[in-house]
C-alpha cells in the first residue's frame, strides 16, 4: 500500500496520474486506487482545473492495455455526490463538466445502517 506524500490530496493524485500517463510509471496489474472522500480530488475551489484534470486522467488508467486490471474506487457522502454528479447551474459555465461525466451513472448507494442484517 502506498500513499503519495503531499499535504494536498488533489495534488498527490494529480502527480501520480502525471507520472503514470506522461512518464509511463508502471502501475501493476490488480492495483486498487482508493480515493476516500473523492470530492476532495474532483472539486477544489482554489484550483477548479485540477479536479477536471484528475477527472480526465482517471479513466485513462483503466483503458491502457499495458496496465492490466486496475480498480479505481471512490467513496463520497451522498450530499457531495449529488452536488458533483447533478445537473450544473444553468446560469453559469459548468466548471465541473469532466467530473460530472466521470460520475454519471457510476454510483452504488450503501445503506446508512447495517442494523438487523446478519
PDB file of N, CA and C in Angstrom:
ATOM      1  N   UNK A   1       0.848  -1.160   0.000  1.00  0.00           N
ATOM      2  CA  UNK A   1       0.000   0.000   0.000  1.00  0.00           C
ATOM      3  C   UNK A   1       0.898   1.229   0.000  1.00  0.00           C
ATOM      4  N   UNK A   2       0.443   2.221  -0.707  1.00  0.00           N
ATOM      5  CA  UNK A   2       1.253   3.407  -0.872  1.00  0.00           C
ATOM      6  C   UNK A   2       0.360   4.628  -0.888  1.00  0.00           C
ATOM      7  N   UNK A   3       0.852   5.705  -0.345  1.00  0.00           N
ATOM      8  CA  UNK A   3       0.133   6.968  -0.405  1.00  0.00           C
ATOM      9  C   UNK A   3       1.157   8.041  -0.707  1.00  0.00           C
ATOM     10  N   UNK A   4       0.931   8.793  -1.772  1.00  0.00           N
ATOM     11  CA  UNK A   4       1.899   9.850  -2.094  1.00  0.00           C
ATOM     12  C   UNK A   4       2.013  10.846  -0.937  1.00  0.00           C
ATOM     13  N   UNK A   5       3.220  11.282  -0.680  1.00  0.00           N
ATOM     14  CA  UNK A   5       3.438  12.246   0.393  1.00  0.00           C
ATOM     15  C   UNK A   5       3.201  13.640  -0.161  1.00  0.00           C
ATOM     16  N   UNK A   6       2.060  14.190   0.188  1.00  0.00           N
ATOM     17  CA  UNK A   6       1.680  15.529  -0.225  1.00  0.00           C
ATOM     18  C   UNK A   6       0.558  15.959   0.700  1.00  0.00           C
ATOM     19  N   UNK A   7       0.618  17.160   1.176  1.00  0.00           N
ATOM     20  CA  UNK A   7      -0.420  17.630   2.091  1.00  0.00           C
ATOM     21  C   UNK A   7      -1.737  17.898   1.365  1.00  0.00           C
ATOM     22  N   UNK A   8      -1.695  17.993   0.074  1.00  0.00           N
ATOM     23  CA  UNK A   8      -2.894  18.240  -0.713  1.00  0.00           C
ATOM     24  C   UNK A   8      -3.254  16.975  -1.470  1.00  0.00           C
ATOM     25  N   UNK A   9      -4.380  16.354  -1.125  1.00  0.00           N
ATOM     26  CA  UNK A   9      -4.792  15.120  -1.797  1.00  0.00           C
ATOM     27  C   UNK A   9      -4.914  15.294  -3.309  1.00  0.00           C
ATOM     28  N   UNK A  10      -5.538  16.375  -3.784  1.00  0.00           N
ATOM     29  CA  UNK A  10      -5.642  16.523  -5.237  1.00  0.00           C
ATOM     30  C   UNK A  10      -4.277  16.622  -5.919  1.00  0.00           C
ATOM     31  N   UNK A  11      -3.341  17.337  -5.320  1.00  0.00           N
ATOM     32  CA  UNK A  11      -2.014  17.428  -5.919  1.00  0.00           C
ATOM     33  C   UNK A  11      -1.309  16.082  -5.916  1.00  0.00           C
ATOM     34  N   UNK A  12      -1.527  15.284  -4.881  1.00  0.00           N
ATOM     35  CA  UNK A  12      -0.897  13.974  -4.795  1.00  0.00           C
ATOM     36  C   UNK A  12      -1.379  13.059  -5.921  1.00  0.00           C
ATOM     37  N   UNK A  13      -2.697  12.959  -6.110  1.00  0.00           N
ATOM     38  CA  UNK A  13      -3.200  12.081  -7.170  1.00  0.00           C
ATOM     39  C   UNK A  13      -2.889  12.646  -8.544  1.00  0.00           C
ATOM     40  N   UNK A  14      -2.879  13.957  -8.681  1.00  0.00           N
ATOM     41  CA  UNK A  14      -2.508  14.560  -9.966  1.00  0.00           C
ATOM     42  C   UNK A  14      -1.082  14.188 -10.318  1.00  0.00           C
ATOM     43  N   UNK A  15      -0.187  14.154  -9.338  1.00  0.00           N
ATOM     44  CA  UNK A  15       1.203  13.763  -9.607  1.00  0.00           C
ATOM     45  C   UNK A  15       1.294  12.296 -10.014  1.00  0.00           C
ATOM     46  N   UNK A  16       0.529  11.433  -9.333  1.00  0.00           N
ATOM     47  CA  UNK A  16       0.511  10.015  -9.701  1.00  0.00           C
ATOM     48  C   UNK A  16       0.000   9.855 -11.128  1.00  0.00           C
ATOM     49  N   UNK A  17      -1.099  10.542 -11.470  1.00  0.00           N
ATOM     50  CA  UNK A  17      -1.639  10.455 -12.830  1.00  0.00           C
ATOM     51  C   UNK A  17      -0.632  10.973 -13.849  1.00  0.00           C
ATOM     52  N   UNK A  18       0.001  12.083 -13.542  1.00  0.00           N
ATOM     53  CA  UNK A  18       1.001  12.635 -14.449  1.00  0.00           C
ATOM     54  C   UNK A  18       2.132  11.641 -14.660  1.00  0.00           C
ATOM     55  N   UNK A  19       2.633  11.062 -13.572  1.00  0.00           N
ATOM     56  CA  UNK A  19       3.720  10.089 -13.690  1.00  0.00           C
ATOM     57  C   UNK A  19       3.291   8.875 -14.498  1.00  0.00           C
ATOM     58  N   UNK A  20       2.049   8.418 -14.266  1.00  0.00           N
ATOM     59  CA  UNK A  20       1.558   7.229 -14.959  1.00  0.00           C
ATOM     60  C   UNK A  20       1.344   7.477 -16.442  1.00  0.00           C
ATOM     61  N   UNK A  21       0.840   8.661 -16.780  1.00  0.00           N
ATOM     62  CA  UNK A  21       0.464   8.921 -18.159  1.00  0.00           C
ATOM     63  C   UNK A  21       1.582   9.568 -18.969  1.00  0.00           C
ATOM     64  N   UNK A  22       2.391  10.384 -18.340  1.00  0.00           N
ATOM     65  CA  UNK A  22       3.421  11.106 -19.082  1.00  0.00           C
ATOM     66  C   UNK A  22       4.720  10.316 -19.127  1.00  0.00           C
ATOM     67  N   UNK A  23       5.194   9.861 -17.977  1.00  0.00           N
ATOM     68  CA  UNK A  23       6.463   9.127 -17.992  1.00  0.00           C
ATOM     69  C   UNK A  23       6.238   7.618 -17.941  1.00  0.00           C
ATOM     70  N   UNK A  24       4.987   7.218 -18.067  1.00  0.00           N
ATOM     71  CA  UNK A  24       4.614   5.798 -18.131  1.00  0.00           C
ATOM     72  C   UNK A  24       5.044   5.007 -16.899  1.00  0.00           C
ATOM     73  N   UNK A  25       4.837   5.629 -15.743  1.00  0.00           N
ATOM     74  CA  UNK A  25       5.053   4.921 -14.497  1.00  0.00           C
ATOM     75  C   UNK A  25       4.269   3.623 -14.554  1.00  0.00           C
ATOM     76  N   UNK A  26       4.884   2.562 -14.184  1.00  0.00           N
ATOM     77  CA  UNK A  26       4.222   1.261 -14.238  1.00  0.00           C
ATOM     78  C   UNK A  26       3.281   1.108 -13.046  1.00  0.00           C
ATOM     79  N   UNK A  27       2.019   1.033 -13.326  1.00  0.00           N
ATOM     80  CA  UNK A  27       1.034   0.701 -12.299  1.00  0.00           C
ATOM     81  C   UNK A  27       0.734  -0.772 -12.498  1.00  0.00           C
ATOM     82  N   UNK A  28       1.072  -1.557 -11.505  1.00  0.00           N
ATOM     83  CA  UNK A  28       0.999  -3.007 -11.625  1.00  0.00           C
ATOM     84  C   UNK A  28      -0.438  -3.485 -11.809  1.00  0.00           C
ATOM     85  N   UNK A  29      -0.620  -4.612 -12.513  1.00  0.00           N
ATOM     86  CA  UNK A  29      -1.941  -5.221 -12.608  1.00  0.00           C
ATOM     87  C   UNK A  29      -2.496  -5.513 -11.215  1.00  0.00           C
ATOM     88  N   UNK A  30      -3.797  -5.483 -11.101  1.00  0.00           N
ATOM     89  CA  UNK A  30      -4.517  -5.727  -9.852  1.00  0.00           C
ATOM     90  C   UNK A  30      -4.243  -4.643  -8.805  1.00  0.00           C
ATOM     91  N   UNK A  31      -3.932  -3.444  -9.279  1.00  0.00           N
ATOM     92  CA  UNK A  31      -3.760  -2.304  -8.384  1.00  0.00           C
ATOM     93  C   UNK A  31      -5.127  -1.715  -8.066  1.00  0.00           C
ATOM     94  N   UNK A  32      -5.332  -1.338  -6.812  1.00  0.00           N
ATOM     95  CA  UNK A  32      -6.548  -0.658  -6.390  1.00  0.00           C
ATOM     96  C   UNK A  32      -6.159   0.764  -5.998  1.00  0.00           C
ATOM     97  N   UNK A  33      -6.826   1.723  -6.600  1.00  0.00           N
ATOM     98  CA  UNK A  33      -6.634   3.126  -6.248  1.00  0.00           C
ATOM     99  C   UNK A  33      -7.903   3.561  -5.535  1.00  0.00           C
ATOM    100  N   UNK A  34      -7.763   3.862  -4.257  1.00  0.00           N
ATOM    101  CA  UNK A  34      -8.913   4.229  -3.440  1.00  0.00           C
ATOM    102  C   UNK A  34      -8.831   5.717  -3.157  1.00  0.00           C
ATOM    103  N   UNK A  35      -9.847   6.438  -3.606  1.00  0.00           N
ATOM    104  CA  UNK A  35      -9.945   7.874  -3.376  1.00  0.00           C
ATOM    105  C   UNK A  35     -11.012   8.117  -2.316  1.00  0.00           C
ATOM    106  N   UNK A  36     -10.593   8.084  -1.068  1.00  0.00           N
ATOM    107  CA  UNK A  36     -11.513   8.320   0.037  1.00  0.00           C
ATOM    108  C   UNK A  36     -11.940   9.784   0.016  1.00  0.00           C
ATOM    109  N   UNK A  37     -13.220  10.040   0.222  1.00  0.00           N
ATOM    110  CA  UNK A  37     -13.759  11.407   0.113  1.00  0.00           C
ATOM    111  C   UNK A  37     -13.391  12.006  -1.249  1.00  0.00           C
ATOM    112  N   UNK A  38     -13.850  11.347  -2.271  1.00  0.00           N
ATOM    113  CA  UNK A  38     -13.498  11.680  -3.646  1.00  0.00           C
ATOM    114  C   UNK A  38     -13.759  13.138  -4.006  1.00  0.00           C
ATOM    115  N   UNK A  39     -14.709  13.762  -3.341  1.00  0.00           N
ATOM    116  CA  UNK A  39     -14.991  15.164  -3.662  1.00  0.00           C
ATOM    117  C   UNK A  39     -13.752  16.038  -3.474  1.00  0.00           C
ATOM    118  N   UNK A  40     -12.854  15.658  -2.582  1.00  0.00           N
ATOM    119  CA  UNK A  40     -11.629  16.451  -2.387  1.00  0.00           C
ATOM    120  C   UNK A  40     -10.716  16.394  -3.605  1.00  0.00           C
ATOM    121  N   UNK A  41     -10.823  15.336  -4.387  1.00  0.00           N
ATOM    122  CA  UNK A  41      -9.999  15.186  -5.586  1.00  0.00           C
ATOM    123  C   UNK A  41     -10.626  15.866  -6.792  1.00  0.00           C
ATOM    124  N   UNK A  42     -11.955  15.813  -6.878  1.00  0.00           N
ATOM    125  CA  UNK A  42     -12.638  16.317  -8.067  1.00  0.00           C
ATOM    126  C   UNK A  42     -13.109  17.759  -7.953  1.00  0.00           C
ATOM    127  N   UNK A  43     -13.174  18.262  -6.749  1.00  0.00           N
ATOM    128  CA  UNK A  43     -13.621  19.638  -6.561  1.00  0.00           C
ATOM    129  C   UNK A  43     -12.648  20.355  -5.644  1.00  0.00           C
ATOM    130  N   UNK A  44     -12.069  21.412  -6.159  1.00  0.00           N
ATOM    131  CA  UNK A  44     -11.122  22.200  -5.386  1.00  0.00           C
ATOM    132  C   UNK A  44     -11.388  23.656  -5.717  1.00  0.00           C
ATOM    133  N   UNK A  45     -11.940  24.383  -4.760  1.00  0.00           N
ATOM    134  CA  UNK A  45     -12.304  25.780  -5.008  1.00  0.00           C
ATOM    135  C   UNK A  45     -11.089  26.630  -5.359  1.00  0.00           C
ATOM    136  N   UNK A  46      -9.938  26.301  -4.804  1.00  0.00           N
ATOM    137  CA  UNK A  46      -8.735  27.091  -5.070  1.00  0.00           C
ATOM    138  C   UNK A  46      -8.210  26.865  -6.485  1.00  0.00           C
ATOM    139  N   UNK A  47      -8.416  25.668  -7.043  1.00  0.00           N
ATOM    140  CA  UNK A  47      -7.900  25.344  -8.380  1.00  0.00           C
ATOM    141  C   UNK A  47      -8.895  24.414  -9.081  1.00  0.00           C
ATOM    142  N   UNK A  48      -9.993  24.949  -9.635  1.00  0.00           N
ATOM    143  CA  UNK A  48     -11.023  24.114 -10.259  1.00  0.00           C
ATOM    144  C   UNK A  48     -10.493  23.254 -11.413  1.00  0.00           C
ATOM    145  N   UNK A  49      -9.483  23.735 -12.120  1.00  0.00           N
ATOM    146  CA  UNK A  49      -8.944  22.965 -13.243  1.00  0.00           C
ATOM    147  C   UNK A  49      -8.255  21.684 -12.785  1.00  0.00           C
ATOM    148  N   UNK A  50      -7.725  21.682 -11.571  1.00  0.00           N
ATOM    149  CA  UNK A  50      -7.045  20.495 -11.054  1.00  0.00           C
ATOM    150  C   UNK A  50      -8.013  19.320 -10.967  1.00  0.00           C
ATOM    151  N   UNK A  51      -9.191  19.540 -10.420  1.00  0.00           N
ATOM    152  CA  UNK A  51     -10.184  18.474 -10.343  1.00  0.00           C
ATOM    153  C   UNK A  51     -10.600  17.966 -11.710  1.00  0.00           C
ATOM    154  N   UNK A  52     -10.690  18.864 -12.669  1.00  0.00           N
ATOM    155  CA  UNK A  52     -11.051  18.454 -14.031  1.00  0.00           C
ATOM    156  C   UNK A  52      -9.934  17.621 -14.670  1.00  0.00           C
ATOM    157  N   UNK A  53      -8.688  17.975 -14.415  1.00  0.00           N
ATOM    158  CA  UNK A  53      -7.560  17.176 -14.935  1.00  0.00           C
ATOM    159  C   UNK A  53      -7.571  15.780 -14.320  1.00  0.00           C
ATOM    160  N   UNK A  54      -7.889  15.704 -13.045  1.00  0.00           N
ATOM    161  CA  UNK A  54      -7.972  14.398 -12.376  1.00  0.00           C
ATOM    162  C   UNK A  54      -9.115  13.581 -12.968  1.00  0.00           C
ATOM    163  N   UNK A  55     -10.275  14.204 -13.180  1.00  0.00           N
ATOM    164  CA  UNK A  55     -11.439  13.506 -13.742  1.00  0.00           C
ATOM    165  C   UNK A  55     -11.148  12.970 -15.140  1.00  0.00           C
ATOM    166  N   UNK A  56     -10.339  13.672 -15.899  1.00  0.00           N
ATOM    167  CA  UNK A  56      -9.956  13.207 -17.240  1.00  0.00           C
ATOM    168  C   UNK A  56      -8.906  12.107 -17.151  1.00  0.00           C
ATOM    169  N   UNK A  57      -7.990  12.217 -16.205  1.00  0.00           N
ATOM    170  CA  UNK A  57      -6.879  11.270 -16.107  1.00  0.00           C
ATOM    171  C   UNK A  57      -7.247   9.915 -15.555  1.00  0.00           C
ATOM    172  N   UNK A  58      -8.210   9.850 -14.657  1.00  0.00           N
ATOM    173  CA  UNK A  58      -8.555   8.566 -14.042  1.00  0.00           C
ATOM    174  C   UNK A  58      -9.014   7.517 -15.056  1.00  0.00           C
ATOM    175  N   UNK A  59      -9.936   7.827 -15.965  1.00  0.00           N
ATOM    176  CA  UNK A  59     -10.341   6.802 -16.939  1.00  0.00           C
ATOM    177  C   UNK A  59      -9.197   6.338 -17.841  1.00  0.00           C
ATOM    178  N   UNK A  60      -8.236   7.203 -18.089  1.00  0.00           N
ATOM    179  CA  UNK A  60      -7.091   6.801 -18.904  1.00  0.00           C
ATOM    180  C   UNK A  60      -6.326   5.641 -18.273  1.00  0.00           C
ATOM    181  N   UNK A  61      -6.309   5.587 -16.943  1.00  0.00           N
ATOM    182  CA  UNK A  61      -5.646   4.462 -16.270  1.00  0.00           C
ATOM    183  C   UNK A  61      -6.369   3.147 -16.536  1.00  0.00           C
ATOM    184  N   UNK A  62      -7.668   3.216 -16.745  1.00  0.00           N
ATOM    185  CA  UNK A  62      -8.462   2.000 -16.925  1.00  0.00           C
ATOM    186  C   UNK A  62      -8.377   1.426 -18.330  1.00  0.00           C
ATOM    187  N   UNK A  63      -8.102   2.255 -19.304  1.00  0.00           N
ATOM    188  CA  UNK A  63      -8.143   1.789 -20.691  1.00  0.00           C
ATOM    189  C   UNK A  63      -6.774   1.472 -21.279  1.00  0.00           C
ATOM    190  N   UNK A  64      -5.702   1.750 -20.549  1.00  0.00           N
ATOM    191  CA  UNK A  64      -4.364   1.457 -21.059  1.00  0.00           C
ATOM    192  C   UNK A  64      -4.120  -0.050 -20.980  1.00  0.00           C
ATOM    193  N   UNK A  65      -4.051  -0.741 -22.130  1.00  0.00           N
ATOM    194  CA  UNK A  65      -3.962  -2.200 -22.117  1.00  0.00           C
ATOM    195  C   UNK A  65      -2.696  -2.738 -21.443  1.00  0.00           C
ATOM    196  N   UNK A  66      -1.626  -1.967 -21.428  1.00  0.00           N
ATOM    197  CA  UNK A  66      -0.384  -2.450 -20.824  1.00  0.00           C
ATOM    198  C   UNK A  66      -0.440  -2.486 -19.291  1.00  0.00           C
ATOM    199  N   UNK A  67      -1.463  -1.906 -18.703  1.00  0.00           N
ATOM    200  CA  UNK A  67      -1.545  -1.852 -17.245  1.00  0.00           C
ATOM    201  C   UNK A  67      -2.179  -3.098 -16.637  1.00  0.00           C
ATOM    202  N   UNK A  68      -2.990  -3.799 -17.374  1.00  0.00           N
ATOM    203  CA  UNK A  68      -3.714  -4.911 -16.782  1.00  0.00           C
ATOM    204  C   UNK A  68      -4.885  -4.393 -15.971  1.00  0.00           C
ATOM    205  N   UNK A  69      -5.546  -5.248 -15.218  1.00  0.00           N
ATOM    206  CA  UNK A  69      -6.719  -4.770 -14.480  1.00  0.00           C
ATOM    207  C   UNK A  69      -6.335  -3.796 -13.366  1.00  0.00           C
ATOM    208  N   UNK A  70      -7.019  -2.670 -13.351  1.00  0.00           N
ATOM    209  CA  UNK A  70      -6.858  -1.651 -12.317  1.00  0.00           C
ATOM    210  C   UNK A  70      -8.261  -1.287 -11.842  1.00  0.00           C
ATOM    211  N   UNK A  71      -8.438  -1.163 -10.535  1.00  0.00           N
ATOM    212  CA  UNK A  71      -9.713  -0.760  -9.966  1.00  0.00           C
ATOM    213  C   UNK A  71      -9.541   0.620  -9.342  1.00  0.00           C
ATOM    214  N   UNK A  72     -10.412   1.538  -9.717  1.00  0.00           N
ATOM    215  CA  UNK A  72     -10.437   2.857  -9.096  1.00  0.00           C
ATOM    216  C   UNK A  72     -11.733   2.931  -8.307  1.00  0.00           C
ATOM    217  N   UNK A  73     -11.595   3.084  -7.002  1.00  0.00           N
ATOM    218  CA  UNK A  73     -12.737   3.110  -6.099  1.00  0.00           C
ATOM    219  C   UNK A  73     -12.760   4.452  -5.397  1.00  0.00           C
ATOM    220  N   UNK A  74     -13.883   5.118  -5.472  1.00  0.00           N
ATOM    221  CA  UNK A  74     -14.032   6.394  -4.786  1.00  0.00           C
ATOM    222  C   UNK A  74     -15.201   6.329  -3.832  1.00  0.00           C
ATOM    223  N   UNK A  75     -15.037   6.914  -2.669  1.00  0.00           N
ATOM    224  CA  UNK A  75     -16.125   6.991  -1.706  1.00  0.00           C
ATOM    225  C   UNK A  75     -16.491   8.450  -1.499  1.00  0.00           C
ATOM    226  N   UNK A  76     -17.794   8.674  -1.364  1.00  0.00           N
ATOM    227  CA  UNK A  76     -18.267  10.045  -1.246  1.00  0.00           C
ATOM    228  C   UNK A  76     -19.622  10.023  -0.527  1.00  0.00           C
ATOM    229  N   UNK A  77     -19.825  10.965   0.369  1.00  0.00           N
ATOM    230  CA  UNK A  77     -21.117  11.098   1.029  1.00  0.00           C
ATOM    231  C   UNK A  77     -22.156  11.512  -0.011  1.00  0.00           C
ATOM    232  N   UNK A  78     -23.422  11.059   0.162  1.00  0.00           N
ATOM    233  CA  UNK A  78     -24.465  11.346  -0.833  1.00  0.00           C
ATOM    234  C   UNK A  78     -24.627  12.831  -1.171  1.00  0.00           C
ATOM    235  N   UNK A  79     -24.526  13.709  -0.200  1.00  0.00           N
ATOM    236  CA  UNK A  79     -24.707  15.136  -0.495  1.00  0.00           C
ATOM    237  C   UNK A  79     -23.615  15.655  -1.418  1.00  0.00           C
ATOM    238  N   UNK A  80     -22.395  15.166  -1.274  1.00  0.00           N
ATOM    239  CA  UNK A  80     -21.305  15.595  -2.158  1.00  0.00           C
ATOM    240  C   UNK A  80     -21.480  14.994  -3.556  1.00  0.00           C
ATOM    241  N   UNK A  81     -21.926  13.728  -3.595  1.00  0.00           N
ATOM    242  CA  UNK A  81     -22.165  13.095  -4.888  1.00  0.00           C
ATOM    243  C   UNK A  81     -23.255  13.842  -5.652  1.00  0.00           C
ATOM    244  N   UNK A  82     -24.338  14.183  -4.961  1.00  0.00           N
ATOM    245  CA  UNK A  82     -25.438  14.902  -5.612  1.00  0.00           C
ATOM    246  C   UNK A  82     -24.966  16.252  -6.145  1.00  0.00           C
ATOM    247  N   UNK A  83     -24.113  16.931  -5.395  1.00  0.00           N
ATOM    248  CA  UNK A  83     -23.621  18.241  -5.827  1.00  0.00           C
ATOM    249  C   UNK A  83     -22.714  18.130  -7.045  1.00  0.00           C
ATOM    250  N   UNK A  84     -21.890  17.091  -7.098  1.00  0.00           N
ATOM    251  CA  UNK A  84     -20.958  16.950  -8.227  1.00  0.00           C
ATOM    252  C   UNK A  84     -21.577  16.252  -9.425  1.00  0.00           C
ATOM    253  N   UNK A  85     -22.436  15.276  -9.183  1.00  0.00           N
ATOM    254  CA  UNK A  85     -22.980  14.490 -10.288  1.00  0.00           C
ATOM    255  C   UNK A  85     -24.279  15.068 -10.834  1.00  0.00           C
ATOM    256  N   UNK A  86     -24.922  15.928 -10.066  1.00  0.00           N
ATOM    257  CA  UNK A  86     -26.189  16.501 -10.500  1.00  0.00           C
ATOM    258  C   UNK A  86     -26.011  17.524 -11.599  1.00  0.00           C
ATOM    259  N   UNK A  87     -27.105  18.018 -12.107  1.00  0.00           N
ATOM    260  CA  UNK A  87     -27.016  18.990 -13.205  1.00  0.00           C
ATOM    261  C   UNK A  87     -26.366  20.293 -12.736  1.00  0.00           C
ATOM    262  N   UNK A  88     -25.622  20.933 -13.623  1.00  0.00           N
ATOM    263  CA  UNK A  88     -24.992  22.206 -13.256  1.00  0.00           C
ATOM    264  C   UNK A  88     -26.014  23.331 -13.208  1.00  0.00           C
ATOM    265  N   UNK A  89     -25.640  24.400 -12.556  1.00  0.00           N
ATOM    266  CA  UNK A  89     -26.489  25.595 -12.578  1.00  0.00           C
ATOM    267  C   UNK A  89     -26.567  26.078 -14.027  1.00  0.00           C
ATOM    268  N   UNK A  90     -27.737  26.467 -14.456  1.00  0.00           N
ATOM    269  CA  UNK A  90     -27.915  26.827 -15.866  1.00  0.00           C
ATOM    270  C   UNK A  90     -27.392  28.214 -16.207  1.00  0.00           C
ATOM    271  N   UNK A  91     -27.165  29.038 -15.203  1.00  0.00           N
ATOM    272  CA  UNK A  91     -26.763  30.409 -15.488  1.00  0.00           C
ATOM    273  C   UNK A  91     -25.250  30.624 -15.480  1.00  0.00           C
ATOM    274  N   UNK A  92     -24.471  29.571 -15.307  1.00  0.00           N
ATOM    275  CA  UNK A  92     -23.014  29.695 -15.298  1.00  0.00           C
ATOM    276  C   UNK A  92     -22.392  28.575 -16.125  1.00  0.00           C
ATOM    277  N   UNK A  93     -21.145  28.780 -16.507  1.00  0.00           N
ATOM    278  CA  UNK A  93     -20.414  27.707 -17.183  1.00  0.00           C
ATOM    279  C   UNK A  93     -20.229  26.547 -16.209  1.00  0.00           C
ATOM    280  N   UNK A  94     -20.283  25.330 -16.724  1.00  0.00           N
ATOM    281  CA  UNK A  94     -20.090  24.155 -15.885  1.00  0.00           C
ATOM    282  C   UNK A  94     -18.596  23.954 -15.662  1.00  0.00           C
ATOM    283  N   UNK A  95     -18.117  24.339 -14.490  1.00  0.00           N
ATOM    284  CA  UNK A  95     -16.699  24.232 -14.179  1.00  0.00           C
ATOM    285  C   UNK A  95     -16.304  22.813 -13.790  1.00  0.00           C
ATOM    286  N   UNK A  96     -17.282  21.896 -13.726  1.00  0.00           N
ATOM    287  CA  UNK A  96     -17.000  20.521 -13.320  1.00  0.00           C
ATOM    288  C   UNK A  96     -17.571  19.518 -14.319  1.00  0.00           C
ATOM    289  N   UNK A  97     -17.566  19.865 -15.580  1.00  0.00           N
ATOM    290  CA  UNK A  97     -18.149  19.001 -16.615  1.00  0.00           C
ATOM    291  C   UNK A  97     -17.476  17.626 -16.669  1.00  0.00           C
ATOM    292  N   UNK A  98     -16.158  17.576 -16.549  1.00  0.00           N
ATOM    293  CA  UNK A  98     -15.447  16.295 -16.615  1.00  0.00           C
ATOM    294  C   UNK A  98     -15.750  15.442 -15.381  1.00  0.00           C
ATOM    295  N   UNK A  99     -15.843  16.064 -14.222  1.00  0.00           N
ATOM    296  CA  UNK A  99     -16.192  15.314 -13.007  1.00  0.00           C
ATOM    297  C   UNK A  99     -17.605  14.759 -13.126  1.00  0.00           C
ATOM    298  N   UNK A 100     -18.538  15.551 -13.657  1.00  0.00           N
ATOM    299  CA  UNK A 100     -19.914  15.071 -13.851  1.00  0.00           C
ATOM    300  C   UNK A 100     -19.939  13.883 -14.804  1.00  0.00           C
ATOM    301  N   UNK A 101     -19.178  13.980 -15.874  1.00  0.00           N
ATOM    302  CA  UNK A 101     -19.126  12.878 -16.845  1.00  0.00           C
ATOM    303  C   UNK A 101     -18.524  11.621 -16.202  1.00  0.00           C
ATOM    304  N   UNK A 102     -17.511  11.800 -15.395  1.00  0.00           N
ATOM    305  CA  UNK A 102     -16.879  10.667 -14.727  1.00  0.00           C
ATOM    306  C   UNK A 102     -17.849   9.977 -13.765  1.00  0.00           C
ATOM    307  N   UNK A 103     -18.638  10.751 -13.053  1.00  0.00           N
ATOM    308  CA  UNK A 103     -19.533  10.200 -12.041  1.00  0.00           C
ATOM    309  C   UNK A 103     -20.880   9.727 -12.590  1.00  0.00           C
ATOM    310  N   UNK A 104     -21.208  10.093 -13.810  1.00  0.00           N
ATOM    311  CA  UNK A 104     -22.518   9.772 -14.388  1.00  0.00           C
ATOM    312  C   UNK A 104     -22.792   8.270 -14.339  1.00  0.00           C
ATOM    313  N   UNK A 105     -23.883   7.917 -13.687  1.00  0.00           N
ATOM    314  CA  UNK A 105     -24.365   6.526 -13.596  1.00  0.00           C
ATOM    315  C   UNK A 105     -23.323   5.583 -13.000  1.00  0.00           C
ATOM    316  N   UNK A 106     -22.503   6.105 -12.109  1.00  0.00           N
ATOM    317  CA  UNK A 106     -21.475   5.264 -11.501  1.00  0.00           C
ATOM    318  C   UNK A 106     -21.585   5.232  -9.977  1.00  0.00           C
ATOM    319  N   UNK A 107     -22.769   5.439  -9.465  1.00  0.00           N
ATOM    320  CA  UNK A 107     -22.917   5.416  -8.022  1.00  0.00           C
ATOM    321  C   UNK A 107     -23.521   4.099  -7.565  1.00  0.00           C
ATOM    322  N   UNK A 108     -23.109   3.687  -6.416  1.00  0.00           N
ATOM    323  CA  UNK A 108     -23.637   2.499  -5.762  1.00  0.00           C
ATOM    324  C   UNK A 108     -23.981   2.920  -4.341  1.00  0.00           C
ATOM    325  N   UNK A 109     -25.251   3.046  -4.076  1.00  0.00           N
ATOM    326  CA  UNK A 109     -25.697   3.515  -2.766  1.00  0.00           C
ATOM    327  C   UNK A 109     -25.462   2.448  -1.712  1.00  0.00           C
ATOM    328  N   UNK A 110     -25.047   2.889  -0.546  1.00  0.00           N
ATOM    329  CA  UNK A 110     -24.838   1.998   0.594  1.00  0.00           C
ATOM    330  C   UNK A 110     -25.825   2.434   1.670  1.00  0.00           C
ATOM    331  N   UNK A 111     -26.429   1.459   2.335  1.00  0.00           N
ATOM    332  CA  UNK A 111     -27.402   1.799   3.379  1.00  0.00           C
ATOM    333  C   UNK A 111     -26.725   2.587   4.496  1.00  0.00           C
ATOM    334  N   UNK A 112     -27.505   3.412   5.173  1.00  0.00           N
ATOM    335  CA  UNK A 112     -26.944   4.248   6.228  1.00  0.00           C
ATOM    336  C   UNK A 112     -26.697   3.452   7.513  1.00  0.00           C
ATOM    337  N   UNK A 113     -27.276   2.279   7.599  1.00  0.00           N
ATOM    338  CA  UNK A 113     -27.051   1.444   8.789  1.00  0.00           C
ATOM    339  C   UNK A 113     -27.116  -0.024   8.385  1.00  0.00           C
ATOM    340  N   UNK A 114     -26.438  -0.846   9.128  1.00  0.00           N
ATOM    341  CA  UNK A 114     -26.455  -2.276   8.871  1.00  0.00           C
ATOM    342  C   UNK A 114     -27.229  -3.025   9.957  1.00  0.00           C
ATOM    343  N   UNK A 115     -27.964  -2.304  10.787  1.00  0.00           N
ATOM    344  CA  UNK A 115     -28.738  -2.906  11.872  1.00  0.00           C
ATOM    345  C   UNK A 115     -29.736  -3.901  11.319  1.00  0.00           C
ATOM    346  N   UNK A 116     -29.853  -5.012  11.986  1.00  0.00           N
ATOM    347  CA  UNK A 116     -30.818  -6.018  11.586  1.00  0.00           C
ATOM    348  C   UNK A 116     -30.330  -7.006  10.540  1.00  0.00           C
ATOM    349  N   UNK A 117     -29.170  -6.769   9.982  1.00  0.00           N
ATOM    350  CA  UNK A 117     -28.608  -7.695   8.987  1.00  0.00           C
ATOM    351  C   UNK A 117     -27.647  -8.659   9.690  1.00  0.00           C
ATOM    352  N   UNK A 118     -27.760  -9.915   9.340  1.00  0.00           N
ATOM    353  CA  UNK A 118     -26.860 -10.926   9.941  1.00  0.00           C
ATOM    354  C   UNK A 118     -26.171 -11.719   8.891  1.00  0.00           C
TER     355      UNK A 118
END
